[in-house]
PDB file of all heavy atoms in Angstrom:
ATOM      1  N   LEU A   1       2.710   2.718 -11.126  1.00  0.00           N
ATOM      2  CA  LEU A   1       2.617   2.893 -12.572  1.00  0.00           C
ATOM      3  C   LEU A   1       2.879   4.344 -12.958  1.00  0.00           C
ATOM      4  O   LEU A   1       3.546   4.612 -13.957  1.00  0.00           O
ATOM      5  CB  LEU A   1       1.244   2.445 -13.071  1.00  0.00           C
ATOM      6  CG  LEU A   1       0.962   0.945 -12.968  1.00  0.00           C
ATOM      7  CD1 LEU A   1      -0.472   0.654 -13.390  1.00  0.00           C
ATOM      8  CD2 LEU A   1       1.938   0.138 -13.784  1.00  0.00           C
ATOM      9  N   ASN A   2       2.374   5.280 -12.170  1.00  0.00           N
ATOM     10  CA  ASN A   2       2.613   6.692 -12.451  1.00  0.00           C
ATOM     11  C   ASN A   2       4.100   7.026 -12.372  1.00  0.00           C
ATOM     12  O   ASN A   2       4.613   7.788 -13.182  1.00  0.00           O
ATOM     13  CB  ASN A   2       1.835   7.578 -11.480  1.00  0.00           C
ATOM     14  CG  ASN A   2       0.349   7.579 -11.758  1.00  0.00           C
ATOM     15  OD1 ASN A   2      -0.082   7.254 -12.855  1.00  0.00           O
ATOM     16  ND2 ASN A   2      -0.426   7.935 -10.749  1.00  0.00           N
ATOM     17  N   GLN A   3       4.796   6.476 -11.403  1.00  0.00           N
ATOM     18  CA  GLN A   3       6.210   6.783 -11.227  1.00  0.00           C
ATOM     19  C   GLN A   3       7.094   6.125 -12.284  1.00  0.00           C
ATOM     20  O   GLN A   3       8.145   6.632 -12.621  1.00  0.00           O
ATOM     21  CB  GLN A   3       6.675   6.358  -9.838  1.00  0.00           C
ATOM     22  CG  GLN A   3       6.098   7.226  -8.748  1.00  0.00           C
ATOM     23  CD  GLN A   3       6.633   6.872  -7.386  1.00  0.00           C
ATOM     24  OE1 GLN A   3       7.632   6.190  -7.274  1.00  0.00           O
ATOM     25  NE2 GLN A   3       5.973   7.347  -6.342  1.00  0.00           N
ATOM     26  N   THR A   4       6.667   4.985 -12.801  1.00  0.00           N
ATOM     27  CA  THR A   4       7.488   4.286 -13.788  1.00  0.00           C
ATOM     28  C   THR A   4       7.145   4.669 -15.216  1.00  0.00           C
ATOM     29  O   THR A   4       7.863   4.323 -16.139  1.00  0.00           O
ATOM     30  CB  THR A   4       7.327   2.760 -13.639  1.00  0.00           C
ATOM     31  OG1 THR A   4       5.960   2.416 -13.824  1.00  0.00           O
ATOM     32  CG2 THR A   4       7.840   2.279 -12.308  1.00  0.00           C
ATOM     33  N   GLY A   5       6.020   5.361 -15.420  1.00  0.00           N
ATOM     34  CA  GLY A   5       5.626   5.763 -16.763  1.00  0.00           C
ATOM     35  C   GLY A   5       4.864   4.680 -17.500  1.00  0.00           C
ATOM     36  O   GLY A   5       4.660   4.786 -18.708  1.00  0.00           O
ATOM     37  N   LEU A   6       4.425   3.633 -16.819  1.00  0.00           N
ATOM     38  CA  LEU A   6       3.642   2.585 -17.462  1.00  0.00           C
ATOM     39  C   LEU A   6       2.165   2.870 -17.261  1.00  0.00           C
ATOM     40  O   LEU A   6       1.749   3.371 -16.229  1.00  0.00           O
ATOM     41  CB  LEU A   6       3.972   1.216 -16.852  1.00  0.00           C
ATOM     42  CG  LEU A   6       5.389   0.695 -17.062  1.00  0.00           C
ATOM     43  CD1 LEU A   6       5.580  -0.604 -16.306  1.00  0.00           C
ATOM     44  CD2 LEU A   6       5.664   0.489 -18.538  1.00  0.00           C
ATOM     45  N   SER A   7       1.383   2.536 -18.256  1.00  0.00           N
ATOM     46  CA  SER A   7      -0.058   2.648 -18.096  1.00  0.00           C
ATOM     47  C   SER A   7      -0.578   1.355 -17.496  1.00  0.00           C
ATOM     48  O   SER A   7       0.145   0.366 -17.402  1.00  0.00           O
ATOM     49  CB  SER A   7      -0.717   2.922 -19.450  1.00  0.00           C
ATOM     50  OG  SER A   7      -0.552   1.800 -20.299  1.00  0.00           O
ATOM     51  N   SER A   8      -1.841   1.344 -17.086  1.00  0.00           N
ATOM     52  CA  SER A   8      -2.395   0.155 -16.437  1.00  0.00           C
ATOM     53  C   SER A   8      -2.474  -1.036 -17.386  1.00  0.00           C
ATOM     54  O   SER A   8      -2.530  -2.174 -16.943  1.00  0.00           O
ATOM     55  CB  SER A   8      -3.771   0.459 -15.852  1.00  0.00           C
ATOM     56  OG  SER A   8      -4.636   0.874 -16.885  1.00  0.00           O
ATOM     57  N   ASP A   9      -2.457  -0.796 -18.693  1.00  0.00           N
ATOM     58  CA  ASP A   9      -2.479  -1.928 -19.624  1.00  0.00           C
ATOM     59  C   ASP A   9      -1.069  -2.399 -19.982  1.00  0.00           C
ATOM     60  O   ASP A   9      -0.893  -3.268 -20.827  1.00  0.00           O
ATOM     61  CB  ASP A   9      -3.279  -1.586 -20.886  1.00  0.00           C
ATOM     62  CG  ASP A   9      -2.738  -0.376 -21.623  1.00  0.00           C
ATOM     63  OD1 ASP A   9      -1.698   0.176 -21.200  1.00  0.00           O
ATOM     64  OD2 ASP A   9      -3.354   0.023 -22.626  1.00  0.00           O
ATOM     65  N   GLY A  10      -0.045  -1.844 -19.335  1.00  0.00           N
ATOM     66  CA  GLY A  10       1.319  -2.326 -19.509  1.00  0.00           C
ATOM     67  C   GLY A  10       2.128  -1.589 -20.547  1.00  0.00           C
ATOM     68  O   GLY A  10       3.277  -1.930 -20.765  1.00  0.00           O
ATOM     69  N   PHE A  11       1.563  -0.617 -21.233  1.00  0.00           N
ATOM     70  CA  PHE A  11       2.319   0.103 -22.245  1.00  0.00           C
ATOM     71  C   PHE A  11       3.042   1.282 -21.624  1.00  0.00           C
ATOM     72  O   PHE A  11       2.527   1.956 -20.739  1.00  0.00           O
ATOM     73  CB  PHE A  11       1.399   0.585 -23.381  1.00  0.00           C
ATOM     74  CG  PHE A  11       0.889  -0.541 -24.212  1.00  0.00           C
ATOM     75  CD1 PHE A  11      -0.396  -1.013 -24.042  1.00  0.00           C
ATOM     76  CD2 PHE A  11       1.705  -1.149 -25.142  1.00  0.00           C
ATOM     77  CE1 PHE A  11      -0.863  -2.074 -24.802  1.00  0.00           C
ATOM     78  CE2 PHE A  11       1.246  -2.200 -25.910  1.00  0.00           C
ATOM     79  CZ  PHE A  11      -0.044  -2.672 -25.732  1.00  0.00           C
ATOM     80  N   ASN A  12       4.241   1.507 -22.096  1.00  0.00           N
ATOM     81  CA  ASN A  12       5.069   2.579 -21.575  1.00  0.00           C
ATOM     82  C   ASN A  12       4.633   3.896 -22.194  1.00  0.00           C
ATOM     83  O   ASN A  12       4.760   4.097 -23.393  1.00  0.00           O
ATOM     84  CB  ASN A  12       6.541   2.293 -21.888  1.00  0.00           C
ATOM     85  CG  ASN A  12       7.485   3.189 -21.133  1.00  0.00           C
ATOM     86  OD1 ASN A  12       7.139   4.310 -20.770  1.00  0.00           O
ATOM     87  ND2 ASN A  12       8.672   2.703 -20.896  1.00  0.00           N
ATOM     88  N   ILE A  13       4.124   4.763 -21.355  1.00  0.00           N
ATOM     89  CA  ILE A  13       3.648   6.069 -21.807  1.00  0.00           C
ATOM     90  C   ILE A  13       4.823   6.923 -22.277  1.00  0.00           C
ATOM     91  O   ILE A  13       4.704   7.702 -23.213  1.00  0.00           O
ATOM     92  CB  ILE A  13       2.905   6.794 -20.665  1.00  0.00           C
ATOM     93  CG1 ILE A  13       1.706   5.963 -20.232  1.00  0.00           C
ATOM     94  CG2 ILE A  13       2.470   8.179 -21.079  1.00  0.00           C
ATOM     95  CD1 ILE A  13       1.087   6.431 -18.929  1.00  0.00           C
ATOM     96  N   LEU A  14       5.975   6.738 -21.675  1.00  0.00           N
ATOM     97  CA  LEU A  14       7.140   7.562 -21.976  1.00  0.00           C
ATOM     98  C   LEU A  14       7.859   7.113 -23.248  1.00  0.00           C
ATOM     99  O   LEU A  14       8.624   7.871 -23.819  1.00  0.00           O
ATOM    100  CB  LEU A  14       8.123   7.527 -20.802  1.00  0.00           C
ATOM    101  CG  LEU A  14       7.560   7.984 -19.453  1.00  0.00           C
ATOM    102  CD1 LEU A  14       8.600   7.802 -18.364  1.00  0.00           C
ATOM    103  CD2 LEU A  14       7.083   9.421 -19.535  1.00  0.00           C
ATOM    104  N   ASP A  15       7.639   5.877 -23.692  1.00  0.00           N
ATOM    105  CA  ASP A  15       8.346   5.350 -24.862  1.00  0.00           C
ATOM    106  C   ASP A  15       7.351   4.676 -25.806  1.00  0.00           C
ATOM    107  O   ASP A  15       7.117   3.475 -25.707  1.00  0.00           O
ATOM    108  CB  ASP A  15       9.422   4.366 -24.418  1.00  0.00           C
ATOM    109  CG  ASP A  15      10.301   3.911 -25.573  1.00  0.00           C
ATOM    110  OD1 ASP A  15      10.156   4.443 -26.692  1.00  0.00           O
ATOM    111  OD2 ASP A  15      11.126   3.009 -25.349  1.00  0.00           O
ATOM    112  N   PRO A  16       6.758   5.432 -26.736  1.00  0.00           N
ATOM    113  CA  PRO A  16       5.754   4.855 -27.633  1.00  0.00           C
ATOM    114  C   PRO A  16       6.327   3.816 -28.602  1.00  0.00           C
ATOM    115  O   PRO A  16       5.582   3.022 -29.158  1.00  0.00           O
ATOM    116  CB  PRO A  16       5.202   6.055 -28.388  1.00  0.00           C
ATOM    117  CG  PRO A  16       6.203   7.137 -28.230  1.00  0.00           C
ATOM    118  CD  PRO A  16       6.978   6.848 -26.986  1.00  0.00           C
ATOM    119  N   ASP A  17       7.645   3.790 -28.803  1.00  0.00           N
ATOM    120  CA  ASP A  17       8.261   2.834 -29.721  1.00  0.00           C
ATOM    121  C   ASP A  17       8.668   1.535 -29.035  1.00  0.00           C
ATOM    122  O   ASP A  17       9.282   0.676 -29.660  1.00  0.00           O
ATOM    123  CB  ASP A  17       9.513   3.459 -30.361  1.00  0.00           C
ATOM    124  CG  ASP A  17       9.160   4.672 -31.203  1.00  0.00           C
ATOM    125  OD1 ASP A  17       8.044   4.704 -31.755  1.00  0.00           O
ATOM    126  OD2 ASP A  17      10.000   5.587 -31.297  1.00  0.00           O
ATOM    127  N   ALA A  18       8.337   1.365 -27.781  1.00  0.00           N
ATOM    128  CA  ALA A  18       8.760   0.179 -27.027  1.00  0.00           C
ATOM    129  C   ALA A  18       8.076  -1.071 -27.575  1.00  0.00           C
ATOM    130  O   ALA A  18       6.934  -1.040 -28.030  1.00  0.00           O
ATOM    131  CB  ALA A  18       8.428   0.350 -25.561  1.00  0.00           C
ATOM    132  N   ASN A  19       8.799  -2.181 -27.516  1.00  0.00           N
ATOM    133  CA  ASN A  19       8.311  -3.475 -27.969  1.00  0.00           C
ATOM    134  C   ASN A  19       7.247  -3.994 -26.999  1.00  0.00           C
ATOM    135  O   ASN A  19       7.494  -4.056 -25.796  1.00  0.00           O
ATOM    136  CB  ASN A  19       9.513  -4.431 -28.034  1.00  0.00           C
ATOM    137  CG  ASN A  19       9.148  -5.802 -28.512  1.00  0.00           C
ATOM    138  OD1 ASN A  19       7.980  -6.144 -28.652  1.00  0.00           O
ATOM    139  ND2 ASN A  19      10.168  -6.591 -28.774  1.00  0.00           N
ATOM    140  N   PRO A  20       6.071  -4.391 -27.476  1.00  0.00           N
ATOM    141  CA  PRO A  20       5.010  -4.887 -26.577  1.00  0.00           C
ATOM    142  C   PRO A  20       5.435  -6.117 -25.764  1.00  0.00           C
ATOM    143  O   PRO A  20       5.013  -6.275 -24.630  1.00  0.00           O
ATOM    144  CB  PRO A  20       3.859  -5.241 -27.522  1.00  0.00           C
ATOM    145  CG  PRO A  20       4.103  -4.429 -28.750  1.00  0.00           C
ATOM    146  CD  PRO A  20       5.594  -4.278 -28.851  1.00  0.00           C
ATOM    147  N   ASP A  21       6.275  -6.973 -26.334  1.00  0.00           N
ATOM    148  CA  ASP A  21       6.751  -8.147 -25.584  1.00  0.00           C
ATOM    149  C   ASP A  21       7.624  -7.729 -24.402  1.00  0.00           C
ATOM    150  O   ASP A  21       7.513  -8.283 -23.313  1.00  0.00           O
ATOM    151  CB  ASP A  21       7.548  -9.092 -26.486  1.00  0.00           C
ATOM    152  CG  ASP A  21       6.660  -9.791 -27.518  1.00  0.00           C
ATOM    153  OD1 ASP A  21       5.437  -9.903 -27.257  1.00  0.00           O
ATOM    154  OD2 ASP A  21       7.191 -10.214 -28.561  1.00  0.00           O
ATOM    155  N   GLU A  22       8.482  -6.748 -24.653  1.00  0.00           N
ATOM    156  CA  GLU A  22       9.322  -6.236 -23.565  1.00  0.00           C
ATOM    157  C   GLU A  22       8.464  -5.579 -22.485  1.00  0.00           C
ATOM    158  O   GLU A  22       8.720  -5.749 -21.290  1.00  0.00           O
ATOM    159  CB  GLU A  22      10.342  -5.228 -24.103  1.00  0.00           C
ATOM    160  CG  GLU A  22      11.453  -5.840 -24.916  1.00  0.00           C
ATOM    161  CD  GLU A  22      12.403  -4.786 -25.475  1.00  0.00           C
ATOM    162  OE1 GLU A  22      12.208  -3.577 -25.202  1.00  0.00           O
ATOM    163  OE2 GLU A  22      13.349  -5.174 -26.185  1.00  0.00           O
ATOM    164  N   LEU A  23       7.478  -4.831 -22.919  1.00  0.00           N
ATOM    165  CA  LEU A  23       6.598  -4.169 -21.962  1.00  0.00           C
ATOM    166  C   LEU A  23       5.811  -5.191 -21.142  1.00  0.00           C
ATOM    167  O   LEU A  23       5.611  -5.005 -19.941  1.00  0.00           O
ATOM    168  CB  LEU A  23       5.646  -3.224 -22.680  1.00  0.00           C
ATOM    169  CG  LEU A  23       6.298  -1.995 -23.321  1.00  0.00           C
ATOM    170  CD1 LEU A  23       5.269  -1.199 -24.106  1.00  0.00           C
ATOM    171  CD2 LEU A  23       6.957  -1.132 -22.264  1.00  0.00           C
ATOM    172  N   GLU A  24       5.386  -6.258 -21.790  1.00  0.00           N
ATOM    173  CA  GLU A  24       4.657  -7.310 -21.070  1.00  0.00           C
ATOM    174  C   GLU A  24       5.563  -7.973 -20.036  1.00  0.00           C
ATOM    175  O   GLU A  24       5.143  -8.239 -18.907  1.00  0.00           O
ATOM    176  CB  GLU A  24       4.140  -8.349 -22.066  1.00  0.00           C
ATOM    177  CG  GLU A  24       3.278  -9.414 -21.438  1.00  0.00           C
ATOM    178  CD  GLU A  24       2.739 -10.378 -22.478  1.00  0.00           C
ATOM    179  OE1 GLU A  24       2.345  -9.938 -23.573  1.00  0.00           O
ATOM    180  OE2 GLU A  24       2.719 -11.583 -22.175  1.00  0.00           O
ATOM    181  N   GLU A  25       6.810  -8.202 -20.417  1.00  0.00           N
ATOM    182  CA  GLU A  25       7.776  -8.798 -19.481  1.00  0.00           C
ATOM    183  C   GLU A  25       8.054  -7.838 -18.324  1.00  0.00           C
ATOM    184  O   GLU A  25       8.120  -8.254 -17.158  1.00  0.00           O
ATOM    185  CB  GLU A  25       9.079  -9.138 -20.209  1.00  0.00           C
ATOM    186  CG  GLU A  25      10.173  -9.693 -19.337  1.00  0.00           C
ATOM    187  CD  GLU A  25       9.854 -11.057 -18.730  1.00  0.00           C
ATOM    188  OE1 GLU A  25       8.880 -11.706 -19.149  1.00  0.00           O
ATOM    189  OE2 GLU A  25      10.595 -11.467 -17.822  1.00  0.00           O
ATOM    190  N   LYS A  26       8.192  -6.551 -18.636  1.00  0.00           N
ATOM    191  CA  LYS A  26       8.401  -5.562 -17.575  1.00  0.00           C
ATOM    192  C   LYS A  26       7.217  -5.537 -16.627  1.00  0.00           C
ATOM    193  O   LYS A  26       7.386  -5.482 -15.406  1.00  0.00           O
ATOM    194  CB  LYS A  26       8.616  -4.162 -18.170  1.00  0.00           C
ATOM    195  CG  LYS A  26       9.983  -3.942 -18.737  1.00  0.00           C
ATOM    196  CD  LYS A  26      10.127  -2.520 -19.248  1.00  0.00           C
ATOM    197  CE  LYS A  26      11.471  -2.296 -19.888  1.00  0.00           C
ATOM    198  NZ  LYS A  26      11.622  -0.920 -20.396  1.00  0.00           N
ATOM    199  N   GLN A  27       6.001  -5.573 -17.178  1.00  0.00           N
ATOM    200  CA  GLN A  27       4.805  -5.557 -16.347  1.00  0.00           C
ATOM    201  C   GLN A  27       4.749  -6.800 -15.464  1.00  0.00           C
ATOM    202  O   GLN A  27       4.407  -6.723 -14.280  1.00  0.00           O
ATOM    203  CB  GLN A  27       3.545  -5.476 -17.228  1.00  0.00           C
ATOM    204  CG  GLN A  27       2.273  -5.331 -16.443  1.00  0.00           C
ATOM    205  CD  GLN A  27       2.214  -4.023 -15.679  1.00  0.00           C
ATOM    206  OE1 GLN A  27       2.648  -2.991 -16.165  1.00  0.00           O
ATOM    207  NE2 GLN A  27       1.676  -4.066 -14.475  1.00  0.00           N
ATOM    208  N   ARG A  28       5.125  -7.945 -16.020  1.00  0.00           N
ATOM    209  CA  ARG A  28       5.147  -9.186 -15.242  1.00  0.00           C
ATOM    210  C   ARG A  28       6.156  -9.083 -14.102  1.00  0.00           C
ATOM    211  O   ARG A  28       5.870  -9.455 -12.963  1.00  0.00           O
ATOM    212  CB  ARG A  28       5.498 -10.376 -16.148  1.00  0.00           C
ATOM    213  CG  ARG A  28       5.381 -11.730 -15.463  1.00  0.00           C
ATOM    214  CD  ARG A  28       5.920 -12.855 -16.322  1.00  0.00           C
ATOM    215  NE  ARG A  28       7.357 -12.780 -16.534  1.00  0.00           N
ATOM    216  CZ  ARG A  28       8.273 -13.102 -15.625  1.00  0.00           C
ATOM    217  NH1 ARG A  28       7.919 -13.498 -14.431  1.00  0.00           N
ATOM    218  NH2 ARG A  28       9.556 -13.020 -15.901  1.00  0.00           N
ATOM    219  N   LEU A  29       7.319  -8.538 -14.405  1.00  0.00           N
ATOM    220  CA  LEU A  29       8.349  -8.373 -13.375  1.00  0.00           C
ATOM    221  C   LEU A  29       7.911  -7.371 -12.312  1.00  0.00           C
ATOM    222  O   LEU A  29       8.161  -7.575 -11.117  1.00  0.00           O
ATOM    223  CB  LEU A  29       9.676  -7.946 -14.005  1.00  0.00           C
ATOM    224  CG  LEU A  29      10.378  -9.006 -14.852  1.00  0.00           C
ATOM    225  CD1 LEU A  29      11.589  -8.406 -15.567  1.00  0.00           C
ATOM    226  CD2 LEU A  29      10.783 -10.187 -14.000  1.00  0.00           C
ATOM    227  N   ILE A  30       7.268  -6.315 -12.730  1.00  0.00           N
ATOM    228  CA  ILE A  30       6.765  -5.317 -11.778  1.00  0.00           C
ATOM    229  C   ILE A  30       5.751  -5.957 -10.847  1.00  0.00           C
ATOM    230  O   ILE A  30       5.798  -5.770  -9.629  1.00  0.00           O
ATOM    231  CB  ILE A  30       6.156  -4.104 -12.525  1.00  0.00           C
ATOM    232  CG1 ILE A  30       7.271  -3.280 -13.160  1.00  0.00           C
ATOM    233  CG2 ILE A  30       5.315  -3.247 -11.587  1.00  0.00           C
ATOM    234  CD1 ILE A  30       6.791  -2.232 -14.137  1.00  0.00           C
ATOM    235  N   ASN A  31       4.839  -6.731 -11.423  1.00  0.00           N
ATOM    236  CA  ASN A  31       3.842  -7.424 -10.594  1.00  0.00           C
ATOM    237  C   ASN A  31       4.505  -8.393  -9.632  1.00  0.00           C
ATOM    238  O   ASN A  31       4.096  -8.511  -8.475  1.00  0.00           O
ATOM    239  CB  ASN A  31       2.822  -8.143 -11.476  1.00  0.00           C
ATOM    240  CG  ASN A  31       1.917  -7.193 -12.215  1.00  0.00           C
ATOM    241  OD1 ASN A  31       1.736  -6.048 -11.818  1.00  0.00           O
ATOM    242  ND2 ASN A  31       1.350  -7.660 -13.310  1.00  0.00           N
ATOM    243  N   GLN A  32       5.523  -9.078 -10.110  1.00  0.00           N
ATOM    244  CA  GLN A  32       6.245 -10.027  -9.251  1.00  0.00           C
ATOM    245  C   GLN A  32       6.959  -9.291  -8.119  1.00  0.00           C
ATOM    246  O   GLN A  32       6.940  -9.738  -6.966  1.00  0.00           O
ATOM    247  CB  GLN A  32       7.249 -10.824 -10.080  1.00  0.00           C
ATOM    248  CG  GLN A  32       7.920 -11.937  -9.314  1.00  0.00           C
ATOM    249  CD  GLN A  32       8.861 -12.757 -10.200  1.00  0.00           C
ATOM    250  OE1 GLN A  32       9.185 -12.368 -11.319  1.00  0.00           O
ATOM    251  NE2 GLN A  32       9.293 -13.884  -9.688  1.00  0.00           N
ATOM    252  N   VAL A  33       7.586  -8.154  -8.422  1.00  0.00           N
ATOM    253  CA  VAL A  33       8.257  -7.352  -7.396  1.00  0.00           C
ATOM    254  C   VAL A  33       7.248  -6.876  -6.363  1.00  0.00           C
ATOM    255  O   VAL A  33       7.503  -6.951  -5.149  1.00  0.00           O
ATOM    256  CB  VAL A  33       9.001  -6.149  -8.034  1.00  0.00           C
ATOM    257  CG1 VAL A  33       9.394  -5.129  -6.979  1.00  0.00           C
ATOM    258  CG2 VAL A  33      10.217  -6.624  -8.807  1.00  0.00           C
ATOM    259  N   MET A  34       6.093  -6.428  -6.813  1.00  0.00           N
ATOM    260  CA  MET A  34       5.056  -5.956  -5.895  1.00  0.00           C
ATOM    261  C   MET A  34       4.580  -7.099  -4.991  1.00  0.00           C
ATOM    262  O   MET A  34       4.397  -6.913  -3.787  1.00  0.00           O
ATOM    263  CB  MET A  34       3.870  -5.371  -6.669  1.00  0.00           C
ATOM    264  CG  MET A  34       4.213  -4.151  -7.513  1.00  0.00           C
ATOM    265  SD  MET A  34       4.689  -2.728  -6.540  1.00  0.00           S
ATOM    266  CE  MET A  34       3.123  -2.299  -5.856  1.00  0.00           C
TER     267      MET A  34
END
């Protein structure tokens, strides 16, 4: 999470304007990759 800029709740620290649905999908994909 530190390397990707995501917080533990799935929000992108580096992009405050990011869509929450996209962030949720990214978090799901990250979890799946892990």
